[in-house]
Amino acid sequence: MLQNKLISGLDGRIPDFNAATLTQQGATSIRTLVAPEFLPLVLEVYNDAMKSIWYVGVGMAGLALLASLGFEWKSVKGEKKKQEEEDDVVDGNNKVEEKKEEVEVKV
């Protein structure tokens, strides 16, 4: 999306300049690839292209938020707590039976 916006925004606006070289070289080389008199134009087009990417990202995040509101909220804490209580009861009963066996052996 960034490349398409850069190429379409710069195409024909700067004489003897291929916008594809800018997309291949990257943003760090903008100042070396473009003549100083065209630098404000290139930076404006680059900024507009970056804004469009952010708009798409924010829109997708908003859609994800709306989609998440449609899911049912289920707490897993309650089930975990119940399972731990059941485990404690089972372990507690086994401990009582083990103690009875130990007492019978000692007598």
Protein backbone atom coordinates (compact mmCIF):
# COMPACT_ATOMS: atom_id res chain seq x y z
CA MET A 1 0.00 0.00 0.00
CA LEU A 2 2.84 2.37 0.85
CA GLN A 3 4.60 1.67 -2.43
CA ASN A 4 1.46 2.18 -4.47
CA LYS A 5 0.70 5.49 -2.77
CA LEU A 6 4.27 6.72 -3.22
CA ILE A 7 4.42 5.77 -6.87
CA SER A 8 1.00 7.23 -7.69
CA GLY A 9 1.71 10.42 -5.69
CA LEU A 10 5.11 11.09 -7.23
CA ASP A 11 4.46 9.83 -10.74
CA GLY A 12 5.07 12.68 -13.17
CA ARG A 13 5.43 15.38 -10.50
CA ILE A 14 9.23 15.29 -10.41
CA PRO A 15 11.07 15.37 -13.77
CA ASP A 16 13.54 12.53 -14.45
CA PHE A 17 12.68 10.72 -11.24
CA ASN A 18 11.57 7.12 -10.94
CA ALA A 19 9.43 6.64 -7.83
CA ALA A 20 10.17 2.91 -7.85
CA THR A 21 13.79 3.64 -6.89
CA LEU A 22 12.55 5.43 -3.79
CA THR A 23 10.51 2.40 -2.74
CA GLN A 24 13.48 0.11 -3.36
CA GLN A 25 16.02 2.27 -1.50
CA GLY A 26 13.82 2.98 1.49
CA ALA A 27 12.92 6.01 3.58
CA THR A 28 16.42 6.60 4.91
CA SER A 29 17.72 7.50 1.46
CA ILE A 30 15.03 10.06 0.54
CA ARG A 31 17.33 13.01 1.08
CA THR A 32 20.04 11.57 -1.15
CA LEU A 33 17.75 10.42 -3.98
CA VAL A 34 15.74 13.61 -4.37
CA ALA A 35 16.96 17.06 -5.31
CA PRO A 36 16.61 19.58 -2.44
CA GLU A 37 13.98 21.64 -4.29
CA PHE A 38 11.68 18.58 -4.57
CA LEU A 39 12.28 17.29 -1.04
CA PRO A 40 9.21 18.99 0.54
CA LEU A 41 6.97 17.47 -2.15
CA VAL A 42 8.40 13.98 -1.64
CA LEU A 43 8.12 14.23 2.14
CA GLU A 44 4.49 15.37 1.84
CA VAL A 45 3.62 12.44 -0.44
CA TYR A 46 5.48 10.05 1.88
CA ASN A 47 3.62 11.45 4.89
CA ASP A 48 0.26 11.03 3.13
CA ALA A 49 1.14 7.43 2.25
CA MET A 50 2.06 6.70 5.86
CA LYS A 51 -1.18 8.27 7.09
CA SER A 52 -3.21 5.99 4.84
CA ILE A 53 -1.44 2.96 6.30
CA TRP A 54 -2.24 4.12 9.83
CA TYR A 55 -5.88 4.71 8.88
CA VAL A 56 -6.16 1.16 7.60
CA GLY A 57 -4.51 -0.18 10.77
CA VAL A 58 -6.80 1.80 13.07
CA GLY A 59 -9.84 0.74 11.05
CA MET A 60 -8.88 -2.92 11.31
CA ALA A 61 -8.31 -2.59 15.06
CA GLY A 62 -11.75 -0.99 15.40
CA LEU A 63 -13.35 -3.84 13.45
CA ALA A 64 -11.56 -6.36 15.66
CA LEU A 65 -12.87 -4.56 18.75
CA LEU A 66 -16.42 -4.60 17.45
CA ALA A 67 -16.13 -8.27 16.54
CA SER A 68 -14.84 -9.10 20.01
CA LEU A 69 -17.92 -7.53 21.58
CA GLY A 70 -20.03 -10.22 19.95
CA PHE A 71 -18.37 -13.03 21.89
CA GLU A 72 -19.84 -14.34 25.14
CA TRP A 73 -17.85 -13.54 28.24
CA LYS A 74 -17.07 -16.63 30.28
CA SER A 75 -15.04 -16.58 33.43
CA VAL A 76 -12.63 -19.45 33.81
CA LYS A 77 -11.71 -18.50 37.36
CA GLY A 78 -14.82 -20.06 38.86
CA GLU A 79 -14.26 -23.39 37.16
CA LYS A 80 -10.63 -23.46 38.23
CA LYS A 81 -11.57 -22.67 41.82
CA LYS A 82 -14.21 -25.43 41.87
CA GLN A 83 -11.71 -27.90 40.44
CA GLU A 84 -9.16 -27.00 43.13
CA GLU A 85 -11.79 -27.47 45.86
CA GLU A 86 -12.70 -30.88 44.45
CA ASP A 87 -9.02 -31.84 44.36
CA ASP A 88 -8.61 -30.73 47.98
CA VAL A 89 -11.59 -32.82 49.08
CA VAL A 90 -10.27 -35.89 47.29
CA ASP A 91 -6.78 -35.36 48.67
CA GLY A 92 -8.18 -34.74 52.14
CA ASN A 93 -10.16 -38.00 52.12
CA ASN A 94 -7.10 -39.94 51.00
CA LYS A 95 -5.02 -38.40 53.79
CA VAL A 96 -7.59 -39.41 56.39
CA GLU A 97 -7.62 -43.01 55.10
CA GLU A 98 -3.80 -43.12 55.06
CA LYS A 99 -3.66 -41.90 58.69
CA LYS A 100 -6.15 -44.59 59.75
CA GLU A 101 -3.97 -47.27 58.14
CA GLU A 102 -0.87 -45.91 59.91
CA VAL A 103 -2.64 -45.94 63.26
CA GLU A 104 -3.82 -49.53 62.78
CA VAL A 105 -0.29 -50.70 61.92
CA LYS A 106 1.23 -49.06 64.99
CA VAL A 107 -1.20 -50.70 67.41
